């Protein structure tokens, strides 16, 4: 079951350690530093203490 996003970022561009990701992101949760989302089978990014679901 997919989590309900807090907010959706449309056509966002996010740079993580020099790698640029562009597309629609869903903010699923405000994560704790020792907490990671269980998004098995889906690409995802962890940045700025926010779990981002990469749709594209």
Protein backbone atom coordinates (compact mmCIF):
# COMPACT_ATOMS: atom_id res chain seq x y z
CA UNK A 1 0.00 0.00 0.00
CA UNK A 2 1.39 3.35 -1.01
CA UNK A 3 1.58 6.02 1.66
CA UNK A 4 -0.44 9.20 1.24
CA UNK A 5 1.91 12.05 0.36
CA UNK A 6 2.09 15.19 2.49
CA UNK A 7 2.74 17.31 -0.58
CA UNK A 8 3.58 16.73 -4.24
CA UNK A 9 6.39 18.65 -5.93
CA UNK A 10 5.67 18.93 -9.66
CA UNK A 11 8.57 19.06 -12.12
CA UNK A 12 11.02 19.53 -9.27
CA UNK A 13 14.76 19.52 -9.74
CA UNK A 14 16.78 18.18 -6.82
CA UNK A 15 20.55 17.78 -6.63
CA UNK A 16 21.95 15.16 -4.27
CA UNK A 17 25.73 14.79 -4.00
CA UNK A 18 26.20 16.13 -7.52
CA UNK A 19 23.49 13.97 -9.09
CA UNK A 20 20.49 15.85 -10.50
CA UNK A 21 17.01 14.35 -10.34
CA UNK A 22 14.12 15.96 -12.21
CA UNK A 23 10.47 14.97 -12.13
CA UNK A 24 7.49 14.76 -9.80
CA UNK A 25 8.28 13.99 -6.19
CA UNK A 26 5.90 13.05 -3.40
CA UNK A 27 6.94 13.95 0.12
CA UNK A 28 5.82 10.89 2.10
CA UNK A 29 7.03 11.75 5.58
CA UNK A 30 9.31 13.92 7.63
CA UNK A 31 11.85 11.29 8.57
CA UNK A 32 13.89 10.88 11.72
CA UNK A 33 17.63 10.59 11.19
CA UNK A 34 17.64 6.85 11.98
CA UNK A 35 14.43 6.13 10.06
CA UNK A 36 14.17 5.11 6.42
CA UNK A 37 11.07 4.45 4.30
CA UNK A 38 10.16 0.93 3.26
CA UNK A 39 9.86 1.67 -0.45
CA UNK A 40 11.11 -1.65 -1.73
CA UNK A 41 11.04 -1.92 -5.49
CA UNK A 42 10.85 1.83 -5.98
CA UNK A 43 13.67 4.33 -6.51
CA UNK A 44 13.76 6.95 -3.79
CA UNK A 45 15.96 9.72 -2.52
CA UNK A 46 16.77 10.73 1.04
CA UNK A 47 17.69 14.39 1.41
CA UNK A 48 17.24 17.20 3.91
CA UNK A 49 15.45 14.86 6.35
CA UNK A 50 12.62 14.42 3.84
CA UNK A 51 11.74 11.15 2.15
CA UNK A 52 11.11 11.75 -1.54
CA UNK A 53 9.28 9.35 -3.83
CA UNK A 54 10.66 9.71 -7.35
CA UNK A 55 7.83 9.11 -9.80
CA UNK A 56 9.62 9.46 -13.14
